[in-house]
C-alpha atoms as a PDB file:
ATOM      1  CA  MET A   1       2.738 -35.560  -6.571  1.00  0.00           C
ATOM      2  CA  LYS A   2       0.903 -33.061  -8.690  1.00  0.00           C
ATOM      3  CA  ILE A   3       4.276 -31.693  -9.995  1.00  0.00           C
ATOM      4  CA  VAL A   4       5.370 -34.834 -10.754  1.00  0.00           C
ATOM      5  CA  THR A   5       2.688 -35.911 -12.312  1.00  0.00           C
ATOM      6  CA  GLU A   6       1.974 -33.357 -14.599  1.00  0.00           C
ATOM      7  CA  ALA A   7       5.390 -33.619 -15.659  1.00  0.00           C
ATOM      8  CA  ALA A   8       4.617 -37.310 -16.235  1.00  0.00           C
ATOM      9  CA  GLU A   9       1.578 -36.076 -18.113  1.00  0.00           C
ATOM     10  CA  ARG A  10       3.132 -33.872 -20.531  1.00  0.00           C
ATOM     11  CA  ILE A  11       5.753 -36.463 -21.209  1.00  0.00           C
ATOM     12  CA  LYS A  12       3.455 -39.193 -22.000  1.00  0.00           C
ATOM     13  CA  ARG A  13       1.379 -36.699 -24.573  1.00  0.00           C
ATOM     14  CA  LEU A  14       4.718 -36.104 -26.271  1.00  0.00           C
ATOM     15  CA  GLU A  15       4.738 -32.591 -25.540  1.00  0.00           C
ATOM     16  CA  VAL A  16       8.178 -32.781 -24.093  1.00  0.00           C
ATOM     17  CA  GLN A  17      10.133 -34.806 -27.199  1.00  0.00           C
ATOM     18  CA  GLY A  18      13.942 -36.506 -27.183  1.00  0.00           C
ATOM     19  CA  ALA A  19      15.394 -38.467 -24.902  1.00  0.00           C
ATOM     20  CA  THR A  20      17.495 -35.472 -23.113  1.00  0.00           C
ATOM     21  CA  ASN A  21      14.291 -33.823 -22.567  1.00  0.00           C
ATOM     22  CA  VAL A  22      12.673 -36.447 -21.089  1.00  0.00           C
ATOM     23  CA  ALA A  23      15.277 -36.751 -18.470  1.00  0.00           C
ATOM     24  CA  LEU A  24      15.868 -33.055 -17.951  1.00  0.00           C
ATOM     25  CA  THR A  25      12.186 -32.404 -17.013  1.00  0.00           C
ATOM     26  CA  ALA A  26      12.112 -35.773 -14.985  1.00  0.00           C
ATOM     27  CA  VAL A  27      14.495 -34.813 -12.556  1.00  0.00           C
ATOM     28  CA  LYS A  28      13.541 -30.976 -12.409  1.00  0.00           C
ATOM     29  CA  ALA A  29       9.794 -32.094 -11.507  1.00  0.00           C
ATOM     30  CA  LEU A  30      11.503 -34.457  -9.243  1.00  0.00           C
ATOM     31  CA  VAL A  31      13.568 -31.760  -7.547  1.00  0.00           C
ATOM     32  CA  GLU A  32      10.355 -29.380  -7.584  1.00  0.00           C
ATOM     33  CA  GLN A  33       8.156 -31.978  -5.704  1.00  0.00           C
ATOM     34  CA  MET A  34      10.749 -31.783  -2.513  1.00  0.00           C
ATOM     35  CA  ASP A  35      10.415 -27.987  -2.822  1.00  0.00           C
ATOM     36  CA  VAL A  36       7.004 -28.486  -1.897  1.00  0.00           C
ATOM     37  CA  SER A  37       6.908 -32.063  -0.066  1.00  0.00           C
ATOM     38  CA  GLY A  38       5.265 -31.552   3.243  1.00  0.00           C
ATOM     39  CA  ALA A  39       7.344 -34.631   4.599  1.00  0.00           C
ATOM     40  CA  ASP A  40       9.190 -34.444   8.185  1.00  0.00           C
ATOM     41  CA  ASN A  41      12.003 -36.643   8.464  1.00  0.00           C
ATOM     42  CA  ARG A  42      13.915 -38.682   6.142  1.00  0.00           C
ATOM     43  CA  ASP A  43      11.967 -42.109   5.889  1.00  0.00           C
ATOM     44  CA  SER A  44       8.792 -40.193   4.298  1.00  0.00           C
ATOM     45  CA  VAL A  45      10.775 -37.844   2.272  1.00  0.00           C
ATOM     46  CA  LEU A  46      12.892 -41.454   0.334  1.00  0.00           C
ATOM     47  CA  ALA A  47       9.294 -42.911   0.733  1.00  0.00           C
ATOM     48  CA  GLU A  48       7.950 -39.825  -1.955  1.00  0.00           C
ATOM     49  CA  LEU A  49      11.078 -40.499  -3.532  1.00  0.00           C
ATOM     50  CA  ALA A  50       9.923 -43.864  -4.913  1.00  0.00           C
ATOM     51  CA  LYS A  51       6.661 -43.305  -5.445  1.00  0.00           C
ATOM     52  CA  ALA A  52       7.922 -40.147  -7.935  1.00  0.00           C
ATOM     53  CA  LYS A  53      10.164 -42.276  -9.469  1.00  0.00           C
ATOM     54  CA  THR A  54       7.638 -44.928 -10.482  1.00  0.00           C
ATOM     55  CA  ILE A  55       5.225 -42.280 -12.042  1.00  0.00           C
ATOM     56  CA  LEU A  56       8.124 -41.330 -14.251  1.00  0.00           C
ATOM     57  CA  PHE A  57       9.330 -44.595 -15.214  1.00  0.00           C
ATOM     58  CA  LYS A  58       6.092 -45.476 -16.479  1.00  0.00           C
ATOM     59  CA  THR A  59       5.603 -42.264 -18.416  1.00  0.00           C
ATOM     60  CA  ARG A  60       7.903 -43.488 -21.496  1.00  0.00           C
ATOM     61  CA  GLU A  61       9.441 -47.320 -21.712  1.00  0.00           C
ATOM     62  CA  THR A  62      12.346 -46.677 -23.741  1.00  0.00           C
ATOM     63  CA  GLU A  63      13.752 -43.737 -21.901  1.00  0.00           C
ATOM     64  CA  PRO A  64      17.230 -45.424 -20.049  1.00  0.00           C
ATOM     65  CA  PHE A  65      18.709 -41.675 -19.540  1.00  0.00           C
ATOM     66  CA  MET A  66      15.870 -40.824 -17.378  1.00  0.00           C
ATOM     67  CA  ARG A  67      16.130 -43.468 -15.470  1.00  0.00           C
ATOM     68  CA  ASN A  68      19.903 -43.918 -15.331  1.00  0.00           C
ATOM     69  CA  ALA A  69      19.399 -40.090 -13.712  1.00  0.00           C
ATOM     70  CA  ILE A  70      16.612 -40.302 -11.409  1.00  0.00           C
ATOM     71  CA  ILE A  71      18.002 -43.479 -10.008  1.00  0.00           C
ATOM     72  CA  TYR A  72      21.671 -41.656  -9.375  1.00  0.00           C
ATOM     73  CA  ILE A  73      19.900 -38.920  -7.628  1.00  0.00           C
ATOM     74  CA  GLU A  74      17.750 -41.745  -5.670  1.00  0.00           C
ATOM     75  CA  ARG A  75      21.128 -43.620  -4.771  1.00  0.00           C
ATOM     76  CA  THR A  76      22.998 -40.416  -3.481  1.00  0.00           C
ATOM     77  CA  LEU A  77      19.935 -39.606  -0.796  1.00  0.00           C
ATOM     78  CA  ARG A  78      19.989 -42.795   0.333  1.00  0.00           C
ATOM     79  CA  ASN A  79      23.525 -43.348   0.814  1.00  0.00           C
ATOM     80  CA  SER A  80      23.841 -40.107   2.861  1.00  0.00           C
ATOM     81  CA  ASP A  81      23.070 -39.474   6.497  1.00  0.00           C
ATOM     82  CA  LEU A  82      21.316 -36.254   6.212  1.00  0.00           C
ATOM     83  CA  GLN A  83      17.691 -36.614   7.930  1.00  0.00           C
ATOM     84  CA  THR A  84      15.934 -33.670   7.365  1.00  0.00           C
ATOM     85  CA  LEU A  85      13.788 -32.841   4.275  1.00  0.00           C
ATOM     86  CA  GLU A  86      15.620 -29.621   3.208  1.00  0.00           C
ATOM     87  CA  GLU A  87      18.952 -31.202   3.618  1.00  0.00           C
ATOM     88  CA  LEU A  88      17.602 -33.921   1.615  1.00  0.00           C
ATOM     89  CA  ARG A  89      16.291 -31.429  -0.944  1.00  0.00           C
ATOM     90  CA  SER A  90      19.518 -29.793  -1.270  1.00  0.00           C
ATOM     91  CA  LEU A  91      21.696 -32.697  -2.005  1.00  0.00           C
ATOM     92  CA  ALA A  92      19.098 -33.428  -4.671  1.00  0.00           C
ATOM     93  CA  GLN A  93      19.503 -30.080  -6.368  1.00  0.00           C
ATOM     94  CA  GLU A  94      23.212 -30.413  -6.280  1.00  0.00           C
ATOM     95  CA  VAL A  95      23.377 -33.520  -7.741  1.00  0.00           C
ATOM     96  CA  SER A  96      21.056 -33.051 -10.256  1.00  0.00           C
ATOM     97  CA  ASP A  97      22.736 -30.351 -11.328  1.00  0.00           C
ATOM     98  CA  ARG A  98      26.019 -31.738 -11.460  1.00  0.00           C
ATOM     99  CA  LEU A  99      25.496 -34.503 -13.298  1.00  0.00           C
ATOM    100  CA  PHE A 100      23.451 -32.104 -16.395  1.00  0.00           C
ATOM    101  CA  GLU A 101      27.110 -29.623 -16.083  1.00  0.00           C
ATOM    102  CA  GLU A 102      28.513 -33.101 -16.431  1.00  0.00           C
ATOM    103  CA  PHE A 103      25.761 -34.265 -19.957  1.00  0.00           C
ATOM    104  CA  PHE A 104      26.269 -30.732 -21.575  1.00  0.00           C
ATOM    105  CA  GLN A 105      30.329 -30.656 -20.965  1.00  0.00           C
ATOM    106  CA  CYS A 106      30.239 -34.292 -22.694  1.00  0.00           C
ATOM    107  CA  ARG A 107      27.471 -33.146 -25.263  1.00  0.00           C
ATOM    108  CA  LYS A 108      29.997 -30.145 -26.345  1.00  0.00           C
ATOM    109  CA  ARG A 109      33.036 -32.795 -26.687  1.00  0.00           C
ATOM    110  CA  THR A 110      31.125 -35.098 -29.001  1.00  0.00           C
ATOM    111  CA  ALA A 111      29.852 -32.294 -31.199  1.00  0.00           C
ATOM    112  CA  GLU A 112      33.417 -31.266 -31.554  1.00  0.00           C
ATOM    113  CA  ILE A 113      34.039 -34.882 -32.215  1.00  0.00           C
ATOM    114  CA  GLY A 114      31.264 -35.556 -34.697  1.00  0.00           C
ATOM    115  CA  SER A 115      32.308 -32.560 -36.357  1.00  0.00           C
ATOM    116  CA  LYS A 116      35.016 -33.594 -37.633  1.00  0.00           C
ATOM    117  CA  ARG A 117      33.438 -36.670 -39.044  1.00  0.00           C
ATOM    118  CA  ILE A 118      31.769 -34.162 -42.070  1.00  0.00           C
ATOM    119  CA  ARG A 119      34.368 -33.110 -44.827  1.00  0.00           C
ATOM    120  CA  PRO A 120      33.314 -29.615 -46.899  1.00  0.00           C
ATOM    121  CA  GLY A 121      31.110 -31.058 -49.606  1.00  0.00           C
ATOM    122  CA  TYR A 122      29.540 -33.621 -48.075  1.00  0.00           C
ATOM    123  CA  ARG A 123      25.544 -34.375 -48.099  1.00  0.00           C
ATOM    124  CA  VAL A 124      24.888 -36.182 -45.053  1.00  0.00           C
ATOM    125  CA  LEU A 125      21.186 -38.216 -44.229  1.00  0.00           C
ATOM    126  CA  THR A 126      19.341 -38.125 -40.653  1.00  0.00           C
ATOM    127  CA  HIS A 127      16.494 -39.535 -39.852  1.00  0.00           C
ATOM    128  CA  CYS A 128      13.854 -38.142 -36.823  1.00  0.00           C
ATOM    129  CA  HIS A 129      14.652 -35.289 -34.409  1.00  0.00           C
ATOM    130  CA  SER A 130      18.368 -35.647 -32.294  1.00  0.00           C
ATOM    131  CA  SER A 131      19.088 -32.856 -30.618  1.00  0.00           C
ATOM    132  CA  ALA A 132      23.043 -34.200 -30.434  1.00  0.00           C
ATOM    133  CA  VAL A 133      23.126 -34.124 -33.829  1.00  0.00           C
ATOM    134  CA  LYS A 134      22.064 -31.044 -33.947  1.00  0.00           C
ATOM    135  CA  MET A 135      24.939 -29.813 -32.097  1.00  0.00           C
ATOM    136  CA  VAL A 136      27.087 -31.957 -34.955  1.00  0.00           C
ATOM    137  CA  PHE A 137      26.053 -29.756 -37.715  1.00  0.00           C
ATOM    138  CA  LYS A 138      25.666 -26.381 -35.519  1.00  0.00           C
ATOM    139  CA  GLU A 139      29.021 -26.958 -34.558  1.00  0.00           C
ATOM    140  CA  ALA A 140      30.254 -27.949 -38.293  1.00  0.00           C
ATOM    141  CA  VAL A 141      28.744 -24.718 -39.520  1.00  0.00           C
ATOM    142  CA  LYS A 142      31.030 -23.166 -36.671  1.00  0.00           C
ATOM    143  CA  ASN A 143      33.849 -24.779 -38.463  1.00  0.00           C
ATOM    144  CA  GLY A 144      33.048 -23.097 -41.711  1.00  0.00           C
ATOM    145  CA  THR A 145      32.185 -26.433 -42.754  1.00  0.00           C
ATOM    146  CA  ASP A 146      30.404 -26.187 -46.654  1.00  0.00           C
ATOM    147  CA  PHE A 147      27.798 -29.072 -46.139  1.00  0.00           C
ATOM    148  CA  GLU A 148      24.313 -30.511 -46.995  1.00  0.00           C
ATOM    149  CA  VAL A 149      21.573 -32.581 -45.219  1.00  0.00           C
ATOM    150  CA  ILE A 150      18.934 -35.086 -46.383  1.00  0.00           C
ATOM    151  CA  ILE A 151      15.911 -35.196 -43.713  1.00  0.00           C
ATOM    152  CA  THR A 152      13.420 -37.865 -43.350  1.00  0.00           C
ATOM    153  CA  GLU A 153      10.060 -36.643 -42.698  1.00  0.00           C
ATOM    154  CA  THR A 154       9.771 -39.413 -39.717  1.00  0.00           C
ATOM    155  CA  ARG A 155       6.394 -40.302 -39.845  1.00  0.00           C
ATOM    156  CA  PRO A 156       3.992 -40.557 -38.135  1.00  0.00           C
ATOM    157  CA  LYS A 157       4.611 -37.114 -35.812  1.00  0.00           C
ATOM    158  CA  TYR A 158       6.938 -36.080 -38.389  1.00  0.00           C
ATOM    159  CA  GLN A 159       9.762 -34.725 -36.252  1.00  0.00           C
ATOM    160  CA  GLY A 160      11.932 -34.167 -39.208  1.00  0.00           C
ATOM    161  CA  ARG A 161      10.099 -31.172 -39.664  1.00  0.00           C
ATOM    162  CA  ILE A 162      11.957 -30.063 -36.433  1.00  0.00           C
ATOM    163  CA  THR A 163      15.590 -30.712 -37.752  1.00  0.00           C
ATOM    164  CA  ALA A 164      14.610 -29.320 -41.198  1.00  0.00           C
ATOM    165  CA  ARG A 165      14.217 -26.040 -39.710  1.00  0.00           C
ATOM    166  CA  GLU A 166      16.698 -25.888 -37.372  1.00  0.00           C
ATOM    167  CA  LEU A 167      18.873 -26.582 -40.184  1.00  0.00           C
ATOM    168  CA  VAL A 168      17.457 -23.527 -42.402  1.00  0.00           C
ATOM    169  CA  GLU A 169      17.922 -21.274 -39.239  1.00  0.00           C
ATOM    170  CA  LEU A 170      21.415 -22.486 -38.926  1.00  0.00           C
ATOM    171  CA  GLY A 171      21.822 -21.603 -43.013  1.00  0.00           C
ATOM    172  CA  VAL A 172      22.686 -25.425 -44.504  1.00  0.00           C
ATOM    173  CA  LYS A 173      21.190 -26.142 -47.606  1.00  0.00           C
ATOM    174  CA  THR A 174      18.694 -29.030 -46.661  1.00  0.00           C
ATOM    175  CA  THR A 175      16.592 -31.311 -48.457  1.00  0.00           C
ATOM    176  CA  MET A 176      13.210 -33.023 -46.867  1.00  0.00           C
ATOM    177  CA  ILE A 177      12.400 -36.467 -48.566  1.00  0.00           C
ATOM    178  CA  VAL A 178       9.933 -39.287 -47.341  1.00  0.00           C
ATOM    179  CA  ASP A 179      10.929 -41.844 -45.027  1.00  0.00           C
ATOM    180  CA  SER A 180      10.347 -44.190 -47.659  1.00  0.00           C
ATOM    181  CA  ALA A 181      12.140 -42.578 -50.507  1.00  0.00           C
ATOM    182  CA  VAL A 182      16.090 -43.491 -48.200  1.00  0.00           C
ATOM    183  CA  ARG A 183      17.333 -46.056 -50.215  1.00  0.00           C
ATOM    184  CA  SER A 184      16.703 -43.612 -53.353  1.00  0.00           C
ATOM    185  CA  PHE A 185      18.325 -40.679 -52.091  1.00  0.00           C
ATOM    186  CA  ILE A 186      21.207 -43.425 -50.157  1.00  0.00           C
ATOM    187  CA  LYS A 187      23.619 -43.603 -53.394  1.00  0.00           C
ATOM    188  CA  ASP A 188      24.766 -39.605 -53.333  1.00  0.00           C
ATOM    189  CA  THR A 189      24.890 -39.580 -49.702  1.00  0.00           C
ATOM    190  CA  ASP A 190      28.458 -39.225 -48.142  1.00  0.00           C
ATOM    191  CA  LEU A 191      27.487 -40.251 -44.103  1.00  0.00           C
ATOM    192  CA  VAL A 192      24.694 -40.991 -41.983  1.00  0.00           C
ATOM    193  CA  LEU A 193      24.236 -39.315 -38.631  1.00  0.00           C
ATOM    194  CA  VAL A 194      21.549 -40.343 -36.030  1.00  0.00           C
ATOM    195  CA  GLY A 195      20.755 -39.857 -32.962  1.00  0.00           C
ATOM    196  CA  SER A 196      19.824 -42.227 -29.937  1.00  0.00           C
ATOM    197  CA  ASP A 197      17.317 -43.108 -27.536  1.00  0.00           C
ATOM    198  CA  ALA A 198      18.722 -46.111 -25.698  1.00  0.00           C
ATOM    199  CA  ILE A 199      22.104 -48.282 -25.914  1.00  0.00           C
ATOM    200  CA  THR A 200      22.306 -51.794 -24.925  1.00  0.00           C
ATOM    201  CA  SER A 201      25.228 -53.965 -23.616  1.00  0.00           C
ATOM    202  CA  GLU A 202      25.528 -55.716 -26.804  1.00  0.00           C
ATOM    203  CA  GLY A 203      26.055 -52.609 -28.604  1.00  0.00           C
ATOM    204  CA  ASN A 204      23.129 -52.789 -30.520  1.00  0.00           C
ATOM    205  CA  VAL A 205      21.298 -48.822 -30.326  1.00  0.00           C
ATOM    206  CA  ILE A 206      17.480 -48.320 -30.135  1.00  0.00           C
ATOM    207  CA  ASN A 207      16.305 -45.028 -31.929  1.00  0.00           C
ATOM    208  CA  LYS A 208      13.445 -43.286 -33.604  1.00  0.00           C
ATOM    209  CA  ILE A 209      10.678 -46.146 -35.427  1.00  0.00           C
ATOM    210  CA  GLY A 210      12.879 -46.368 -39.113  1.00  0.00           C
ATOM    211  CA  SER A 211      16.278 -45.910 -37.972  1.00  0.00           C
ATOM    212  CA  SER A 212      16.847 -49.933 -38.897  1.00  0.00           C
ATOM    213  CA  GLN A 213      15.780 -49.284 -42.648  1.00  0.00           C
ATOM    214  CA  VAL A 214      18.288 -46.488 -42.772  1.00  0.00           C
ATOM    215  CA  ALA A 215      21.088 -48.507 -41.399  1.00  0.00           C
ATOM    216  CA  LEU A 216      20.585 -51.384 -43.565  1.00  0.00           C
ATOM    217  CA  VAL A 217      20.270 -49.379 -46.838  1.00  0.00           C
ATOM    218  CA  ALA A 218      23.284 -47.758 -45.515  1.00  0.00           C
ATOM    219  CA  HIS A 219      25.138 -51.025 -45.232  1.00  0.00           C
ATOM    220  CA  GLU A 220      24.186 -52.243 -48.495  1.00  0.00           C
ATOM    221  CA  ALA A 221      25.365 -49.032 -49.854  1.00  0.00           C
ATOM    222  CA  ARG A 222      28.929 -49.112 -48.013  1.00  0.00           C
ATOM    223  CA  ILE A 223      28.222 -45.765 -46.556  1.00  0.00           C
ATOM    224  CA  PRO A 224      29.211 -45.145 -43.304  1.00  0.00           C
ATOM    225  CA  PHE A 225      26.532 -45.030 -40.523  1.00  0.00           C
ATOM    226  CA  TYR A 226      27.840 -43.578 -36.987  1.00  0.00           C
ATOM    227  CA  VAL A 227      25.202 -42.947 -33.976  1.00  0.00           C
ATOM    228  CA  VAL A 228      25.649 -39.424 -31.945  1.00  0.00           C
ATOM    229  CA  THR A 229      24.995 -40.494 -28.197  1.00  0.00           C
ATOM    230  CA  GLU A 230      25.832 -39.168 -24.882  1.00  0.00           C
ATOM    231  CA  LEU A 231      26.782 -42.898 -23.123  1.00  0.00           C
ATOM    232  CA  LEU A 232      24.269 -42.012 -20.302  1.00  0.00           C
ATOM    233  CA  LYS A 233      21.687 -43.235 -22.290  1.00  0.00           C
ATOM    234  CA  PHE A 234      23.123 -47.348 -21.357  1.00  0.00           C
ATOM    235  CA  ASN A 235      20.608 -49.521 -20.224  1.00  0.00           C
ATOM    236  CA  PRO A 236      22.396 -51.324 -17.910  1.00  0.00           C
ATOM    237  CA  LEU A 237      19.815 -54.231 -17.546  1.00  0.00           C
ATOM    238  CA  THR A 238      20.138 -55.460 -20.858  1.00  0.00           C
ATOM    239  CA  ILE A 239      23.470 -57.129 -19.504  1.00  0.00           C
ATOM    240  CA  TYR A 240      21.686 -59.990 -17.628  1.00  0.00           C
ATOM    241  CA  GLY A 241      19.812 -60.649 -20.596  1.00  0.00           C
ATOM    242  CA  ASP A 242      16.528 -58.273 -20.688  1.00  0.00           C
ATOM    243  CA  TYR A 243      15.629 -56.296 -23.553  1.00  0.00           C
ATOM    244  CA  GLU A 244      15.014 -52.636 -24.169  1.00  0.00           C
ATOM    245  CA  THR A 245      11.352 -51.922 -24.136  1.00  0.00           C
ATOM    246  CA  ILE A 246       9.989 -50.536 -27.537  1.00  0.00           C
ATOM    247  CA  GLU A 247       7.836 -47.893 -26.763  1.00  0.00           C
ATOM    248  CA  GLU A 248       4.162 -48.629 -28.827  1.00  0.00           C
ATOM    249  CA  ARG A 249       2.147 -45.861 -29.182  1.00  0.00           C
ATOM    250  CA  ASP A 250      -1.813 -44.755 -29.891  1.00  0.00           C
ATOM    251  CA  ALA A 251      -3.081 -45.920 -33.431  1.00  0.00           C
ATOM    252  CA  THR A 252      -4.678 -42.392 -34.116  1.00  0.00           C
ATOM    253  CA  GLU A 253      -1.108 -40.621 -34.140  1.00  0.00           C
ATOM    254  CA  ILE A 254      -0.928 -43.420 -37.609  1.00  0.00           C
ATOM    255  CA  TRP A 255      -4.754 -42.613 -39.035  1.00  0.00           C
ATOM    256  CA  GLU A 256      -7.061 -40.465 -36.789  1.00  0.00           C
ATOM    257  CA  ASN A 257     -10.667 -42.035 -38.019  1.00  0.00           C
ATOM    258  CA  ALA A 258      -9.823 -45.358 -39.493  1.00  0.00           C
ATOM    259  CA  PRO A 259     -12.079 -48.193 -40.486  1.00  0.00           C
ATOM    260  CA  GLU A 260     -13.633 -50.114 -37.619  1.00  0.00           C
ATOM    261  CA  LYS A 261     -12.173 -53.121 -37.386  1.00  0.00           C
ATOM    262  CA  LEU A 262      -8.705 -51.919 -38.756  1.00  0.00           C
ATOM    263  CA  ASN A 263      -5.798 -53.134 -36.606  1.00  0.00           C
ATOM    264  CA  ILE A 264      -2.583 -50.318 -36.551  1.00  0.00           C
ATOM    265  CA  ARG A 265       0.552 -51.438 -34.970  1.00  0.00           C
ATOM    266  CA  ASN A 266       2.666 -48.266 -34.088  1.00  0.00           C
ATOM    267  CA  PRO A 267       6.107 -48.757 -32.397  1.00  0.00           C
ATOM    268  CA  ALA A 268       8.026 -45.841 -31.780  1.00  0.00           C
ATOM    269  CA  PHE A 269      11.754 -46.960 -31.945  1.00  0.00           C
ATOM    270  CA  ASP A 270      13.268 -49.868 -33.537  1.00  0.00           C
ATOM    271  CA  VAL A 271      16.723 -51.842 -33.017  1.00  0.00           C
ATOM    272  CA  ILE A 272      19.832 -51.291 -35.238  1.00  0.00           C
ATOM    273  CA  ARG A 273      21.675 -53.834 -34.909  1.00  0.00           C
ATOM    274  CA  ARG A 274      25.715 -53.373 -33.794  1.00  0.00           C
ATOM    275  CA  ASP A 275      27.002 -54.687 -37.150  1.00  0.00           C
ATOM    276  CA  TYR A 276      25.877 -51.778 -39.338  1.00  0.00           C
ATOM    277  CA  ILE A 277      27.171 -48.932 -36.838  1.00  0.00           C
ATOM    278  CA  HIS A 278      30.414 -47.491 -37.992  1.00  0.00           C
ATOM    279  CA  GLY A 279      31.196 -46.032 -34.999  1.00  0.00           C
ATOM    280  CA  ILE A 280      29.475 -44.731 -31.618  1.00  0.00           C
ATOM    281  CA  VAL A 281      30.181 -40.896 -31.333  1.00  0.00           C
ATOM    282  CA  CYS A 282      30.144 -40.007 -27.870  1.00  0.00           C
ATOM    283  CA  GLU A 283      32.385 -38.214 -25.380  1.00  0.00           C
ATOM    284  CA  GLU A 284      34.812 -40.987 -24.922  1.00  0.00           C
ATOM    285  CA  GLY A 285      35.148 -40.343 -28.609  1.00  0.00           C
ATOM    286  CA  ILE A 286      34.045 -42.483 -31.517  1.00  0.00           C
ATOM    287  CA  ILE A 287      33.985 -45.898 -30.128  1.00  0.00           C
ATOM    288  CA  SER A 288      33.370 -49.774 -31.336  1.00  0.00           C
ATOM    289  CA  PRO A 289      29.724 -50.503 -30.469  1.00  0.00           C
ATOM    290  CA  HIS A 290      31.596 -54.075 -29.484  1.00  0.00           C
ATOM    291  CA  SER A 291      33.330 -52.204 -26.583  1.00  0.00           C
ATOM    292  CA  VAL A 292      29.974 -50.029 -25.164  1.00  0.00           C
ATOM    293  CA  THR A 293      29.980 -52.079 -21.546  1.00  0.00           C
ATOM    294  CA  GLU A 294      33.521 -51.800 -20.926  1.00  0.00           C
ATOM    295  CA  VAL A 295      33.946 -48.216 -22.090  1.00  0.00           C
ATOM    296  CA  ILE A 296      30.819 -47.684 -19.297  1.00  0.00           C
ATOM    297  CA  ARG A 297      32.537 -49.838 -16.614  1.00  0.00           C
ATOM    298  CA  ARG A 298      35.606 -46.891 -16.800  1.00  0.00           C
ATOM    299  CA  ARG A 299      33.864 -43.769 -17.394  1.00  0.00           C
ATOM    300  CA  TYR A 300      29.991 -44.446 -15.306  1.00  0.00           C
ATOM    301  CA  PRO A 301      30.501 -47.119 -13.205  1.00  0.00           C
ATOM    302  CA  TRP A 302      28.204 -46.051 -11.167  1.00  0.00           C
ATOM    303  CA  VAL A 303      25.334 -47.049 -13.562  1.00  0.00           C
ATOM    304  CA  LEU A 304      26.845 -50.841 -12.987  1.00  0.00           C
ATOM    305  CA  GLU A 305      26.586 -50.563  -9.478  1.00  0.00           C
ATOM    306  CA  PRO A 306      22.956 -51.146  -8.718  1.00  0.00           C
ATOM    307  CA  LEU A 307      23.117 -54.734 -10.631  1.00  0.00           C
ATOM    308  CA  GLY A 308      26.569 -55.287  -8.639  1.00  0.00           C
ATOM    309  CA  ILE A 309      28.771 -55.148 -11.279  1.00  0.00           C
ATOM    310  CA  LEU A 310      31.418 -53.112  -9.988  1.00  0.00           C
ATOM    311  CA  PRO A 311      34.803 -51.506 -12.382  1.00  0.00           C
ATOM    312  CA  SER A 312      37.639 -53.566 -12.370  1.00  0.00           C
END
């Protein structure tokens, strides 16, 4: 399990950031692990796959896209009649390639849809770093739309700096503010766009810590707040009442040499209530957060099948 374990450690250390990159890294490690496997029959291959899945699932608690992708690959292999390592490895590669090809096609469509929400002269506020939101900005630039962006620094890991660099490279007028200044700048904003790490069956969205405060401020100021995301970040377990786990990270990210006996809490994500979301920008268009489960049922029924929930 060396390849899987090394990938898991990189994900844990935040060397791999963003739900999409985490899923890509995990699935790539899974397939590469099969390339060096010494398993000599179907049962041992599937046993190794299950072990790899367990290791990867423990890396980050709030990563339904990674879980959905790995579960899909594992179920496809288990449901096949293939017996040899070579056959199963080839199928795993084929399935992962097909899954991510569809994902990136969906991302392209999502960017095209989201870019239409950015009008000439708009000032857009965003929080943290989202590759999906970046694609929307990139598409808007490609369309010749003149706009500017306000980006939060996004404590404690400063992911906003990643977004800021990318926007400057794109030629977009960009202003960085501290997280707590959002309320002061929201009145000068036309639109808020954020990404997503997870979507629940209720239509709530889990994103980088601070996102819910941005949503609340936007709601108060009556500024449209949109979540840009692919639907494969949906967590099917929330249908049966489970909550999406909020990962809590090491306190040293906030204060490396803090006084002894000081209690520091460092949740990585928070929950954006669906009531504050104007719409979810995704491969299906701009949908109401209230309709997420039905859209998943129609477009990705295999996400629900492990729960015994089949498309009607």
